[in-house]
């Protein structure tokens, strides 16, 4: 079955929704938090804590999306603020970047997803 994941991401977390041919509405799949992203040792670049946490979480999220590609989703829709979206796209593998069908540069990550907001995302995606 062909599954599209919709990822609502922000600097410190991401929520995942799945859409397939059998479902009319995207279904919540889980979330990933950046609680430990700022605890990395050996960082050589002098970033502020906030920038370091954002960078670390983008890297963790990209690794997670790379690891589950093909097993849990076939296509990917990314929704995030423009800065985080650019950072995340740079950290995704080439193979995962190829399955990104839509990017929406809007910060919906901390908002409580409603049927209306998910419908808006779906209408923006192919």
PDB file of N, CA and C in Angstrom:
ATOM      1  N   UNK A   1       0.831  -1.169   0.000  1.00  0.00           N
ATOM      2  CA  UNK A   1       0.000   0.000   0.000  1.00  0.00           C
ATOM      3  C   UNK A   1       0.885   1.245   0.000  1.00  0.00           C
ATOM      4  N   UNK A   2       0.491   2.228  -0.762  1.00  0.00           N
ATOM      5  CA  UNK A   2       1.241   3.473  -0.889  1.00  0.00           C
ATOM      6  C   UNK A   2       0.816   4.437   0.231  1.00  0.00           C
ATOM      7  N   UNK A   3       1.782   4.851   1.049  1.00  0.00           N
ATOM      8  CA  UNK A   3       1.493   5.723   2.187  1.00  0.00           C
ATOM      9  C   UNK A   3       2.289   7.007   2.087  1.00  0.00           C
ATOM     10  N   UNK A   4       1.625   8.112   2.354  1.00  0.00           N
ATOM     11  CA  UNK A   4       2.274   9.421   2.416  1.00  0.00           C
ATOM     12  C   UNK A   4       2.290   9.870   3.867  1.00  0.00           C
ATOM     13  N   UNK A   5       3.452  10.278   4.327  1.00  0.00           N
ATOM     14  CA  UNK A   5       3.547  10.869   5.656  1.00  0.00           C
ATOM     15  C   UNK A   5       3.540  12.375   5.526  1.00  0.00           C
ATOM     16  N   UNK A   6       2.770  13.011   6.380  1.00  0.00           N
ATOM     17  CA  UNK A   6       2.766  14.463   6.510  1.00  0.00           C
ATOM     18  C   UNK A   6       3.483  14.758   7.824  1.00  0.00           C
ATOM     19  N   UNK A   7       4.570  15.509   7.750  1.00  0.00           N
ATOM     20  CA  UNK A   7       5.375  15.814   8.925  1.00  0.00           C
ATOM     21  C   UNK A   7       5.210  17.294   9.255  1.00  0.00           C
ATOM     22  N   UNK A   8       4.643  17.578  10.427  1.00  0.00           N
ATOM     23  CA  UNK A   8       4.542  18.944  10.930  1.00  0.00           C
ATOM     24  C   UNK A   8       5.693  19.116  11.909  1.00  0.00           C
ATOM     25  N   UNK A   9       6.705  19.861  11.503  1.00  0.00           N
ATOM     26  CA  UNK A   9       7.926  19.965  12.302  1.00  0.00           C
ATOM     27  C   UNK A   9       8.175  21.402  12.736  1.00  0.00           C
ATOM     28  N   UNK A  10       8.858  21.521  13.856  1.00  0.00           N
ATOM     29  CA  UNK A  10       9.340  22.817  14.326  1.00  0.00           C
ATOM     30  C   UNK A  10      10.666  22.579  15.030  1.00  0.00           C
ATOM     31  N   UNK A  11      11.219  23.603  15.624  1.00  0.00           N
ATOM     32  CA  UNK A  11      12.570  23.541  16.183  1.00  0.00           C
ATOM     33  C   UNK A  11      12.774  22.463  17.237  1.00  0.00           C
ATOM     34  N   UNK A  12      11.713  22.062  17.931  1.00  0.00           N
ATOM     35  CA  UNK A  12      11.920  21.128  19.035  1.00  0.00           C
ATOM     36  C   UNK A  12      11.005  19.909  18.999  1.00  0.00           C
ATOM     37  N   UNK A  13      10.327  19.697  17.903  1.00  0.00           N
ATOM     38  CA  UNK A  13       9.480  18.520  17.833  1.00  0.00           C
ATOM     39  C   UNK A  13       8.868  18.342  16.459  1.00  0.00           C
ATOM     40  N   UNK A  14       8.297  17.166  16.257  1.00  0.00           N
ATOM     41  CA  UNK A  14       7.636  16.867  14.991  1.00  0.00           C
ATOM     42  C   UNK A  14       6.502  15.891  15.259  1.00  0.00           C
ATOM     43  N   UNK A  15       5.439  16.061  14.497  1.00  0.00           N
ATOM     44  CA  UNK A  15       4.314  15.125  14.555  1.00  0.00           C
ATOM     45  C   UNK A  15       4.110  14.540  13.169  1.00  0.00           C
ATOM     46  N   UNK A  16       3.731  13.259  13.144  1.00  0.00           N
ATOM     47  CA  UNK A  16       3.630  12.510  11.908  1.00  0.00           C
ATOM     48  C   UNK A  16       2.190  12.053  11.694  1.00  0.00           C
ATOM     49  N   UNK A  17       1.710  12.261  10.481  1.00  0.00           N
ATOM     50  CA  UNK A  17       0.378  11.821  10.094  1.00  0.00           C
ATOM     51  C   UNK A  17       0.511  11.001   8.823  1.00  0.00           C
ATOM     52  N   UNK A  18      -0.285   9.936   8.711  1.00  0.00           N
ATOM     53  CA  UNK A  18      -0.224   9.068   7.534  1.00  0.00           C
ATOM     54  C   UNK A  18      -1.505   9.206   6.727  1.00  0.00           C
ATOM     55  N   UNK A  19      -1.332   9.179   5.411  1.00  0.00           N
ATOM     56  CA  UNK A  19      -2.471   9.212   4.498  1.00  0.00           C
ATOM     57  C   UNK A  19      -2.249   8.101   3.478  1.00  0.00           C
ATOM     58  N   UNK A  20      -3.274   7.300   3.258  1.00  0.00           N
ATOM     59  CA  UNK A  20      -3.193   6.289   2.212  1.00  0.00           C
ATOM     60  C   UNK A  20      -4.517   6.256   1.464  1.00  0.00           C
ATOM     61  N   UNK A  21      -4.607   5.387   0.488  1.00  0.00           N
ATOM     62  CA  UNK A  21      -5.785   5.358  -0.380  1.00  0.00           C
ATOM     63  C   UNK A  21      -7.056   4.915   0.337  1.00  0.00           C
ATOM     64  N   UNK A  22      -6.935   4.239   1.459  1.00  0.00           N
ATOM     65  CA  UNK A  22      -8.113   3.762   2.181  1.00  0.00           C
ATOM     66  C   UNK A  22      -8.698   4.802   3.127  1.00  0.00           C
ATOM     67  N   UNK A  23      -7.908   5.780   3.532  1.00  0.00           N
ATOM     68  CA  UNK A  23      -8.358   6.738   4.553  1.00  0.00           C
ATOM     69  C   UNK A  23      -8.718   8.074   3.934  1.00  0.00           C
ATOM     70  N   UNK A  24      -9.797   8.643   4.406  1.00  0.00           N
ATOM     71  CA  UNK A  24     -10.192   9.970   3.939  1.00  0.00           C
ATOM     72  C   UNK A  24      -9.413  11.056   4.662  1.00  0.00           C
ATOM     73  N   UNK A  25      -9.082  10.829   5.920  1.00  0.00           N
ATOM     74  CA  UNK A  25      -8.365  11.814   6.733  1.00  0.00           C
ATOM     75  C   UNK A  25      -6.995  11.256   7.115  1.00  0.00           C
ATOM     76  N   UNK A  26      -5.999  12.124   7.231  1.00  0.00           N
ATOM     77  CA  UNK A  26      -4.703  11.648   7.750  1.00  0.00           C
ATOM     78  C   UNK A  26      -4.854  11.146   9.184  1.00  0.00           C
ATOM     79  N   UNK A  27      -4.108  10.130   9.532  1.00  0.00           N
ATOM     80  CA  UNK A  27      -4.174   9.523  10.854  1.00  0.00           C
ATOM     81  C   UNK A  27      -2.872   9.802  11.595  1.00  0.00           C
ATOM     82  N   UNK A  28      -2.987  10.232  12.856  1.00  0.00           N
ATOM     83  CA  UNK A  28      -1.820  10.518  13.683  1.00  0.00           C
ATOM     84  C   UNK A  28      -1.001   9.255  13.872  1.00  0.00           C
ATOM     85  N   UNK A  29       0.323   9.364  13.632  1.00  0.00           N
ATOM     86  CA  UNK A  29       1.224   8.221  13.748  1.00  0.00           C
ATOM     87  C   UNK A  29       2.161   8.308  14.937  1.00  0.00           C
ATOM     88  N   UNK A  30       2.393   9.511  15.458  1.00  0.00           N
ATOM     89  CA  UNK A  30       3.293   9.658  16.588  1.00  0.00           C
ATOM     90  C   UNK A  30       4.029  10.977  16.523  1.00  0.00           C
ATOM     91  N   UNK A  31       4.947  11.153  17.450  1.00  0.00           N
ATOM     92  CA  UNK A  31       5.734  12.377  17.480  1.00  0.00           C
ATOM     93  C   UNK A  31       7.148  12.086  17.936  1.00  0.00           C
ATOM     94  N   UNK A  32       8.007  13.037  17.672  1.00  0.00           N
ATOM     95  CA  UNK A  32       9.413  12.947  18.033  1.00  0.00           C
ATOM     96  C   UNK A  32       9.767  14.255  18.711  1.00  0.00           C
ATOM     97  N   UNK A  33      10.429  14.178  19.856  1.00  0.00           N
ATOM     98  CA  UNK A  33      10.760  15.368  20.623  1.00  0.00           C
ATOM     99  C   UNK A  33      12.263  15.601  20.627  1.00  0.00           C
ATOM    100  N   UNK A  34      12.638  16.858  20.788  1.00  0.00           N
ATOM    101  CA  UNK A  34      14.059  17.216  20.800  1.00  0.00           C
ATOM    102  C   UNK A  34      14.568  17.430  22.217  1.00  0.00           C
ATOM    103  N   UNK A  35      13.977  16.785  23.193  1.00  0.00           N
ATOM    104  CA  UNK A  35      14.339  17.012  24.589  1.00  0.00           C
ATOM    105  C   UNK A  35      15.833  16.858  24.857  1.00  0.00           C
ATOM    106  N   UNK A  36      16.476  15.886  24.206  1.00  0.00           N
ATOM    107  CA  UNK A  36      17.895  15.636  24.457  1.00  0.00           C
ATOM    108  C   UNK A  36      18.804  16.184  23.360  1.00  0.00           C
ATOM    109  N   UNK A  37      18.246  16.876  22.386  1.00  0.00           N
ATOM    110  CA  UNK A  37      19.059  17.320  21.243  1.00  0.00           C
ATOM    111  C   UNK A  37      20.172  18.269  21.642  1.00  0.00           C
ATOM    112  N   UNK A  38      19.991  19.044  22.707  1.00  0.00           N
ATOM    113  CA  UNK A  38      21.017  19.992  23.125  1.00  0.00           C
ATOM    114  C   UNK A  38      22.103  19.391  23.981  1.00  0.00           C
ATOM    115  N   UNK A  39      22.041  18.105  24.265  1.00  0.00           N
ATOM    116  CA  UNK A  39      23.002  17.451  25.151  1.00  0.00           C
ATOM    117  C   UNK A  39      24.160  16.804  24.413  1.00  0.00           C
ATOM    118  N   UNK A  40      24.472  17.242  23.234  1.00  0.00           N
ATOM    119  CA  UNK A  40      25.517  16.630  22.428  1.00  0.00           C
ATOM    120  C   UNK A  40      26.906  17.109  22.864  1.00  0.00           C
ATOM    121  N   UNK A  41      27.809  16.186  22.926  1.00  0.00           N
ATOM    122  CA  UNK A  41      29.187  16.528  23.257  1.00  0.00           C
ATOM    123  C   UNK A  41      29.999  16.660  21.979  1.00  0.00           C
ATOM    124  N   UNK A  42      31.048  17.420  22.043  1.00  0.00           N
ATOM    125  CA  UNK A  42      31.967  17.502  20.930  1.00  0.00           C
ATOM    126  C   UNK A  42      31.574  18.455  19.821  1.00  0.00           C
ATOM    127  N   UNK A  43      30.608  19.322  20.056  1.00  0.00           N
ATOM    128  CA  UNK A  43      30.229  20.289  19.028  1.00  0.00           C
ATOM    129  C   UNK A  43      31.332  21.333  18.944  1.00  0.00           C
ATOM    130  N   UNK A  44      31.894  21.519  17.754  1.00  0.00           N
ATOM    131  CA  UNK A  44      33.026  22.422  17.602  1.00  0.00           C
ATOM    132  C   UNK A  44      32.624  23.819  17.168  1.00  0.00           C
ATOM    133  N   UNK A  45      31.445  23.956  16.575  1.00  0.00           N
ATOM    134  CA  UNK A  45      30.995  25.271  16.147  1.00  0.00           C
ATOM    135  C   UNK A  45      30.348  25.963  17.341  1.00  0.00           C
ATOM    136  N   UNK A  46      30.613  27.238  17.507  1.00  0.00           N
ATOM    137  CA  UNK A  46      30.100  27.972  18.657  1.00  0.00           C
ATOM    138  C   UNK A  46      28.732  28.571  18.353  1.00  0.00           C
ATOM    139  N   UNK A  47      27.669  27.764  18.511  1.00  0.00           N
ATOM    140  CA  UNK A  47      26.298  28.220  18.312  1.00  0.00           C
ATOM    141  C   UNK A  47      25.686  28.554  19.659  1.00  0.00           C
ATOM    142  N   UNK A  48      24.629  29.334  19.647  1.00  0.00           N
ATOM    143  CA  UNK A  48      23.872  29.520  20.882  1.00  0.00           C
ATOM    144  C   UNK A  48      23.184  28.199  21.199  1.00  0.00           C
ATOM    145  N   UNK A  49      22.717  28.040  22.429  1.00  0.00           N
ATOM    146  CA  UNK A  49      22.064  26.795  22.824  1.00  0.00           C
ATOM    147  C   UNK A  49      20.869  26.534  21.919  1.00  0.00           C
ATOM    148  N   UNK A  50      20.099  27.543  21.636  1.00  0.00           N
ATOM    149  CA  UNK A  50      18.914  27.384  20.813  1.00  0.00           C
ATOM    150  C   UNK A  50      19.279  26.901  19.408  1.00  0.00           C
ATOM    151  N   UNK A  51      20.273  27.492  18.795  1.00  0.00           N
ATOM    152  CA  UNK A  51      20.705  27.069  17.460  1.00  0.00           C
ATOM    153  C   UNK A  51      21.276  25.660  17.489  1.00  0.00           C
ATOM    154  N   UNK A  52      22.027  25.341  18.517  1.00  0.00           N
ATOM    155  CA  UNK A  52      22.614  23.994  18.641  1.00  0.00           C
ATOM    156  C   UNK A  52      21.507  22.953  18.783  1.00  0.00           C
ATOM    157  N   UNK A  53      20.494  23.243  19.608  1.00  0.00           N
ATOM    158  CA  UNK A  53      19.380  22.318  19.779  1.00  0.00           C
ATOM    159  C   UNK A  53      18.611  22.140  18.473  1.00  0.00           C
ATOM    160  N   UNK A  54      18.381  23.244  17.762  1.00  0.00           N
ATOM    161  CA  UNK A  54      17.664  23.179  16.489  1.00  0.00           C
ATOM    162  C   UNK A  54      18.442  22.334  15.491  1.00  0.00           C
ATOM    163  N   UNK A  55      19.735  22.563  15.387  1.00  0.00           N
ATOM    164  CA  UNK A  55      20.593  21.803  14.478  1.00  0.00           C
ATOM    165  C   UNK A  55      20.577  20.318  14.846  1.00  0.00           C
ATOM    166  N   UNK A  56      20.720  20.025  16.130  1.00  0.00           N
ATOM    167  CA  UNK A  56      20.729  18.633  16.598  1.00  0.00           C
ATOM    168  C   UNK A  56      19.412  17.934  16.336  1.00  0.00           C
ATOM    169  N   UNK A  57      18.301  18.642  16.559  1.00  0.00           N
ATOM    170  CA  UNK A  57      17.013  18.020  16.317  1.00  0.00           C
ATOM    171  C   UNK A  57      16.783  17.788  14.818  1.00  0.00           C
ATOM    172  N   UNK A  58      17.187  18.734  13.988  1.00  0.00           N
ATOM    173  CA  UNK A  58      17.050  18.544  12.536  1.00  0.00           C
ATOM    174  C   UNK A  58      17.831  17.311  12.096  1.00  0.00           C
ATOM    175  N   UNK A  59      19.017  17.133  12.640  1.00  0.00           N
ATOM    176  CA  UNK A  59      19.831  15.954  12.315  1.00  0.00           C
ATOM    177  C   UNK A  59      19.138  14.670  12.787  1.00  0.00           C
ATOM    178  N   UNK A  60      18.605  14.678  14.020  1.00  0.00           N
ATOM    179  CA  UNK A  60      17.913  13.496  14.546  1.00  0.00           C
ATOM    180  C   UNK A  60      16.664  13.171  13.728  1.00  0.00           C
ATOM    181  N   UNK A  61      15.906  14.190  13.384  1.00  0.00           N
ATOM    182  CA  UNK A  61      14.696  13.984  12.591  1.00  0.00           C
ATOM    183  C   UNK A  61      15.045  13.437  11.207  1.00  0.00           C
ATOM    184  N   UNK A  62      16.069  13.991  10.586  1.00  0.00           N
ATOM    185  CA  UNK A  62      16.492  13.508   9.263  1.00  0.00           C
ATOM    186  C   UNK A  62      16.923  12.043   9.339  1.00  0.00           C
ATOM    187  N   UNK A  63      17.662  11.673  10.356  1.00  0.00           N
ATOM    188  CA  UNK A  63      18.083  10.267  10.515  1.00  0.00           C
ATOM    189  C   UNK A  63      16.875   9.358  10.679  1.00  0.00           C
ATOM    190  N   UNK A  64      15.912   9.801  11.506  1.00  0.00           N
ATOM    191  CA  UNK A  64      14.708   9.000  11.720  1.00  0.00           C
ATOM    192  C   UNK A  64      13.949   8.812  10.399  1.00  0.00           C
ATOM    193  N   UNK A  65      13.750   9.902   9.657  1.00  0.00           N
ATOM    194  CA  UNK A  65      13.033   9.818   8.386  1.00  0.00           C
ATOM    195  C   UNK A  65      13.779   8.941   7.379  1.00  0.00           C
ATOM    196  N   UNK A  66      15.108   9.021   7.396  1.00  0.00           N
ATOM    197  CA  UNK A  66      15.916   8.149   6.531  1.00  0.00           C
ATOM    198  C   UNK A  66      15.737   6.678   6.919  1.00  0.00           C
ATOM    199  N   UNK A  67      15.734   6.406   8.228  1.00  0.00           N
ATOM    200  CA  UNK A  67      15.654   5.024   8.708  1.00  0.00           C
ATOM    201  C   UNK A  67      14.325   4.349   8.395  1.00  0.00           C
ATOM    202  N   UNK A  68      13.218   5.084   8.434  1.00  0.00           N
ATOM    203  CA  UNK A  68      11.896   4.459   8.260  1.00  0.00           C
ATOM    204  C   UNK A  68      11.345   4.594   6.838  1.00  0.00           C
ATOM    205  N   UNK A  69      12.083   5.258   5.947  1.00  0.00           N
ATOM    206  CA  UNK A  69      11.648   5.407   4.556  1.00  0.00           C
ATOM    207  C   UNK A  69      11.478   4.035   3.931  1.00  0.00           C
ATOM    208  N   UNK A  70      10.383   3.842   3.229  1.00  0.00           N
ATOM    209  CA  UNK A  70      10.114   2.566   2.579  1.00  0.00           C
ATOM    210  C   UNK A  70       9.398   1.576   3.470  1.00  0.00           C
ATOM    211  N   UNK A  71       9.630   1.636   4.776  1.00  0.00           N
ATOM    212  CA  UNK A  71       8.958   0.741   5.711  1.00  0.00           C
ATOM    213  C   UNK A  71       7.637   1.356   6.193  1.00  0.00           C
ATOM    214  N   UNK A  72       7.659   2.665   6.472  1.00  0.00           N
ATOM    215  CA  UNK A  72       6.478   3.319   7.042  1.00  0.00           C
ATOM    216  C   UNK A  72       5.849   4.334   6.107  1.00  0.00           C
ATOM    217  N   UNK A  73       6.585   4.814   5.127  1.00  0.00           N
ATOM    218  CA  UNK A  73       6.022   5.750   4.153  1.00  0.00           C
ATOM    219  C   UNK A  73       6.727   5.611   2.817  1.00  0.00           C
ATOM    220  N   UNK A  74       6.018   6.056   1.767  1.00  0.00           N
ATOM    221  CA  UNK A  74       6.584   6.061   0.426  1.00  0.00           C
ATOM    222  C   UNK A  74       6.835   7.479  -0.064  1.00  0.00           C
ATOM    223  N   UNK A  75       5.951   8.394   0.314  1.00  0.00           N
ATOM    224  CA  UNK A  75       6.086   9.810  -0.038  1.00  0.00           C
ATOM    225  C   UNK A  75       6.073  10.624   1.241  1.00  0.00           C
ATOM    226  N   UNK A  76       6.662  11.811   1.159  1.00  0.00           N
ATOM    227  CA  UNK A  76       6.816  12.650   2.338  1.00  0.00           C
ATOM    228  C   UNK A  76       6.393  14.073   2.017  1.00  0.00           C
ATOM    229  N   UNK A  77       5.576  14.643   2.895  1.00  0.00           N
ATOM    230  CA  UNK A  77       5.199  16.051   2.826  1.00  0.00           C
ATOM    231  C   UNK A  77       5.778  16.701   4.075  1.00  0.00           C
ATOM    232  N   UNK A  78       6.601  17.722   3.890  1.00  0.00           N
ATOM    233  CA  UNK A  78       7.242  18.407   5.014  1.00  0.00           C
ATOM    234  C   UNK A  78       6.629  19.787   5.199  1.00  0.00           C
ATOM    235  N   UNK A  79       6.205  20.073   6.427  1.00  0.00           N
ATOM    236  CA  UNK A  79       5.651  21.381   6.776  1.00  0.00           C
ATOM    237  C   UNK A  79       6.458  21.906   7.950  1.00  0.00           C
ATOM    238  N   UNK A  80       7.121  23.041   7.758  1.00  0.00           N
ATOM    239  CA  UNK A  80       7.943  23.634   8.820  1.00  0.00           C
ATOM    240  C   UNK A  80       8.229  25.087   8.468  1.00  0.00           C
ATOM    241  N   UNK A  81       8.685  25.847   9.470  1.00  0.00           N
ATOM    242  CA  UNK A  81       9.063  27.225   9.164  1.00  0.00           C
ATOM    243  C   UNK A  81      10.217  27.202   8.159  1.00  0.00           C
ATOM    244  N   UNK A  82      10.351  28.237   7.336  1.00  0.00           N
ATOM    245  CA  UNK A  82      11.324  28.203   6.237  1.00  0.00           C
ATOM    246  C   UNK A  82      12.750  27.868   6.659  1.00  0.00           C
ATOM    247  N   UNK A  83      13.218  28.408   7.781  1.00  0.00           N
ATOM    248  CA  UNK A  83      14.590  28.145   8.223  1.00  0.00           C
ATOM    249  C   UNK A  83      14.776  26.671   8.582  1.00  0.00           C
ATOM    250  N   UNK A  84      13.855  26.125   9.376  1.00  0.00           N
ATOM    251  CA  UNK A  84      13.982  24.730   9.789  1.00  0.00           C
ATOM    252  C   UNK A  84      13.799  23.798   8.595  1.00  0.00           C
ATOM    253  N   UNK A  85      12.896  24.142   7.696  1.00  0.00           N
ATOM    254  CA  UNK A  85      12.668  23.327   6.508  1.00  0.00           C
ATOM    255  C   UNK A  85      13.934  23.226   5.660  1.00  0.00           C
ATOM    256  N   UNK A  86      14.618  24.339   5.475  1.00  0.00           N
ATOM    257  CA  UNK A  86      15.870  24.339   4.709  1.00  0.00           C
ATOM    258  C   UNK A  86      16.936  23.497   5.401  1.00  0.00           C
ATOM    259  N   UNK A  87      17.044  23.645   6.718  1.00  0.00           N
ATOM    260  CA  UNK A  87      18.015  22.876   7.491  1.00  0.00           C
ATOM    261  C   UNK A  87      17.718  21.382   7.390  1.00  0.00           C
ATOM    262  N   UNK A  88      16.455  21.012   7.537  1.00  0.00           N
ATOM    263  CA  UNK A  88      16.070  19.606   7.463  1.00  0.00           C
ATOM    264  C   UNK A  88      16.347  19.023   6.081  1.00  0.00           C
ATOM    265  N   UNK A  89      15.993  19.744   5.032  1.00  0.00           N
ATOM    266  CA  UNK A  89      16.225  19.256   3.674  1.00  0.00           C
ATOM    267  C   UNK A  89      17.708  19.009   3.419  1.00  0.00           C
ATOM    268  N   UNK A  90      18.568  19.861   3.983  1.00  0.00           N
ATOM    269  CA  UNK A  90      20.015  19.682   3.821  1.00  0.00           C
ATOM    270  C   UNK A  90      20.515  18.429   4.526  1.00  0.00           C
ATOM    271  N   UNK A  91      19.842  18.013   5.587  1.00  0.00           N
ATOM    272  CA  UNK A  91      20.305  16.872   6.372  1.00  0.00           C
ATOM    273  C   UNK A  91      19.712  15.545   5.920  1.00  0.00           C
ATOM    274  N   UNK A  92      18.655  15.580   5.118  1.00  0.00           N
ATOM    275  CA  UNK A  92      18.072  14.336   4.621  1.00  0.00           C
ATOM    276  C   UNK A  92      19.009  13.683   3.610  1.00  0.00           C
ATOM    277  N   UNK A  93      18.971  12.377   3.554  1.00  0.00           N
ATOM    278  CA  UNK A  93      19.769  11.668   2.539  1.00  0.00           C
ATOM    279  C   UNK A  93      19.206  11.984   1.157  1.00  0.00           C
ATOM    280  N   UNK A  94      19.996  11.701   0.140  1.00  0.00           N
ATOM    281  CA  UNK A  94      19.557  11.915  -1.238  1.00  0.00           C
ATOM    282  C   UNK A  94      18.304  11.082  -1.518  1.00  0.00           C
ATOM    283  N   UNK A  95      18.293   9.833  -1.069  1.00  0.00           N
ATOM    284  CA  UNK A  95      17.150   8.949  -1.310  1.00  0.00           C
ATOM    285  C   UNK A  95      15.881   9.482  -0.651  1.00  0.00           C
ATOM    286  N   UNK A  96      15.984   9.993   0.550  1.00  0.00           N
ATOM    287  CA  UNK A  96      14.807  10.529   1.230  1.00  0.00           C
ATOM    288  C   UNK A  96      14.367  11.830   0.578  1.00  0.00           C
ATOM    289  N   UNK A  97      15.306  12.665   0.161  1.00  0.00           N
ATOM    290  CA  UNK A  97      14.937  13.894  -0.539  1.00  0.00           C
ATOM    291  C   UNK A  97      14.151  13.588  -1.813  1.00  0.00           C
ATOM    292  N   UNK A  98      14.424  12.461  -2.446  1.00  0.00           N
ATOM    293  CA  UNK A  98      13.715  12.095  -3.669  1.00  0.00           C
ATOM    294  C   UNK A  98      12.248  11.751  -3.427  1.00  0.00           C
ATOM    295  N   UNK A  99      11.895  11.336  -2.215  1.00  0.00           N
ATOM    296  CA  UNK A  99      10.493  10.997  -1.934  1.00  0.00           C
ATOM    297  C   UNK A  99       9.714  12.162  -1.326  1.00  0.00           C
ATOM    298  N   UNK A 100      10.370  13.300  -1.127  1.00  0.00           N
ATOM    299  CA  UNK A 100       9.661  14.499  -0.656  1.00  0.00           C
ATOM    300  C   UNK A 100       8.867  15.045  -1.837  1.00  0.00           C
ATOM    301  N   UNK A 101       7.545  14.967  -1.730  1.00  0.00           N
ATOM    302  CA  UNK A 101       6.689  15.416  -2.825  1.00  0.00           C
ATOM    303  C   UNK A 101       6.293  16.883  -2.689  1.00  0.00           C
ATOM    304  N   UNK A 102       6.238  17.368  -1.463  1.00  0.00           N
ATOM    305  CA  UNK A 102       5.806  18.749  -1.216  1.00  0.00           C
ATOM    306  C   UNK A 102       6.506  19.289   0.013  1.00  0.00           C
ATOM    307  N   UNK A 103       6.886  20.555  -0.057  1.00  0.00           N
ATOM    308  CA  UNK A 103       7.363  21.255   1.131  1.00  0.00           C
ATOM    309  C   UNK A 103       6.495  22.498   1.298  1.00  0.00           C
ATOM    310  N   UNK A 104       6.088  22.739   2.515  1.00  0.00           N
ATOM    311  CA  UNK A 104       5.253  23.898   2.818  1.00  0.00           C
ATOM    312  C   UNK A 104       5.971  24.714   3.882  1.00  0.00           C
ATOM    313  N   UNK A 105       6.482  25.894   3.513  1.00  0.00           N
ATOM    314  CA  UNK A 105       7.242  26.711   4.469  1.00  0.00           C
ATOM    315  C   UNK A 105       6.317  27.502   5.401  1.00  0.00           C
ATOM    316  N   UNK A 106       5.702  26.797   6.324  1.00  0.00           N
ATOM    317  CA  UNK A 106       4.793  27.420   7.282  1.00  0.00           C
ATOM    318  C   UNK A 106       4.954  26.707   8.612  1.00  0.00           C
ATOM    319  N   UNK A 107       5.022  27.466   9.688  1.00  0.00           N
ATOM    320  CA  UNK A 107       5.218  26.866  11.001  1.00  0.00           C
ATOM    321  C   UNK A 107       3.874  26.462  11.602  1.00  0.00           C
ATOM    322  N   UNK A 108       3.530  25.200  11.443  1.00  0.00           N
ATOM    323  CA  UNK A 108       2.338  24.630  12.069  1.00  0.00           C
ATOM    324  C   UNK A 108       2.736  23.634  13.155  1.00  0.00           C
ATOM    325  N   UNK A 109       4.037  23.540  13.427  1.00  0.00           N
ATOM    326  CA  UNK A 109       4.560  22.506  14.313  1.00  0.00           C
ATOM    327  C   UNK A 109       4.026  22.532  15.719  1.00  0.00           C
ATOM    328  N   UNK A 110       3.870  23.694  16.316  1.00  0.00           N
ATOM    329  CA  UNK A 110       3.401  23.758  17.697  1.00  0.00           C
ATOM    330  C   UNK A 110       1.896  23.907  17.789  1.00  0.00           C
ATOM    331  N   UNK A 111       1.241  24.171  16.676  1.00  0.00           N
ATOM    332  CA  UNK A 111      -0.211  24.311  16.686  1.00  0.00           C
ATOM    333  C   UNK A 111      -0.852  22.945  16.883  1.00  0.00           C
ATOM    334  N   UNK A 112      -2.000  22.951  17.515  1.00  0.00           N
ATOM    335  CA  UNK A 112      -2.747  21.714  17.663  1.00  0.00           C
ATOM    336  C   UNK A 112      -3.391  21.429  16.313  1.00  0.00           C
ATOM    337  N   UNK A 113      -3.034  20.300  15.691  1.00  0.00           N
ATOM    338  CA  UNK A 113      -3.595  20.036  14.367  1.00  0.00           C
ATOM    339  C   UNK A 113      -5.095  19.783  14.456  1.00  0.00           C
ATOM    340  N   UNK A 114      -5.819  20.416  13.577  1.00  0.00           N
ATOM    341  CA  UNK A 114      -7.254  20.222  13.493  1.00  0.00           C
ATOM    342  C   UNK A 114      -7.577  19.652  12.130  1.00  0.00           C
ATOM    343  N   UNK A 115      -8.802  19.225  11.960  1.00  0.00           N
ATOM    344  CA  UNK A 115      -9.214  18.715  10.652  1.00  0.00           C
ATOM    345  C   UNK A 115      -9.022  19.783   9.591  1.00  0.00           C
ATOM    346  N   UNK A 116      -9.266  21.048   9.952  1.00  0.00           N
ATOM    347  CA  UNK A 116      -9.124  22.142   8.991  1.00  0.00           C
ATOM    348  C   UNK A 116      -7.670  22.345   8.595  1.00  0.00           C
ATOM    349  N   UNK A 117      -6.747  22.370   9.565  1.00  0.00           N
ATOM    350  CA  UNK A 117      -5.338  22.591   9.225  1.00  0.00           C
ATOM    351  C   UNK A 117      -4.774  21.429   8.424  1.00  0.00           C
ATOM    352  N   UNK A 118      -5.146  20.195   8.755  1.00  0.00           N
ATOM    353  CA  UNK A 118      -4.674  19.047   7.985  1.00  0.00           C
ATOM    354  C   UNK A 118      -5.282  19.034   6.587  1.00  0.00           C
ATOM    355  N   UNK A 119      -6.533  19.470   6.461  1.00  0.00           N
ATOM    356  CA  UNK A 119      -7.150  19.564   5.136  1.00  0.00           C
ATOM    357  C   UNK A 119      -6.397  20.585   4.294  1.00  0.00           C
ATOM    358  N   UNK A 120      -5.997  21.722   4.925  1.00  0.00           N
ATOM    359  CA  UNK A 120      -5.236  22.746   4.210  1.00  0.00           C
ATOM    360  C   UNK A 120      -3.900  22.167   3.717  1.00  0.00           C
ATOM    361  N   UNK A 121      -3.237  21.404   4.566  1.00  0.00           N
ATOM    362  CA  UNK A 121      -1.961  20.785   4.169  1.00  0.00           C
ATOM    363  C   UNK A 121      -2.203  19.799   3.035  1.00  0.00           C
ATOM    364  N   UNK A 122      -3.237  18.984   3.143  1.00  0.00           N
ATOM    365  CA  UNK A 122      -3.527  18.017   2.091  1.00  0.00           C
ATOM    366  C   UNK A 122      -3.852  18.691   0.761  1.00  0.00           C
ATOM    367  N   UNK A 123      -4.561  19.805   0.807  1.00  0.00           N
ATOM    368  CA  UNK A 123      -4.892  20.519  -0.421  1.00  0.00           C
ATOM    369  C   UNK A 123      -3.659  21.122  -1.059  1.00  0.00           C
ATOM    370  N   UNK A 124      -2.647  21.419  -0.242  1.00  0.00           N
ATOM    371  CA  UNK A 124      -1.399  21.986  -0.757  1.00  0.00           C
ATOM    372  C   UNK A 124      -0.486  20.910  -1.312  1.00  0.00           C
ATOM    373  N   UNK A 125      -0.734  19.665  -0.912  1.00  0.00           N
ATOM    374  CA  UNK A 125       0.096  18.547  -1.370  1.00  0.00           C
ATOM    375  C   UNK A 125      -0.560  17.885  -2.575  1.00  0.00           C
ATOM    376  N   UNK A 126       0.247  17.218  -3.391  1.00  0.00           N
ATOM    377  CA  UNK A 126      -0.325  16.525  -4.562  1.00  0.00           C
ATOM    378  C   UNK A 126      -1.160  15.323  -4.161  1.00  0.00           C
TER     379      UNK A 126
END
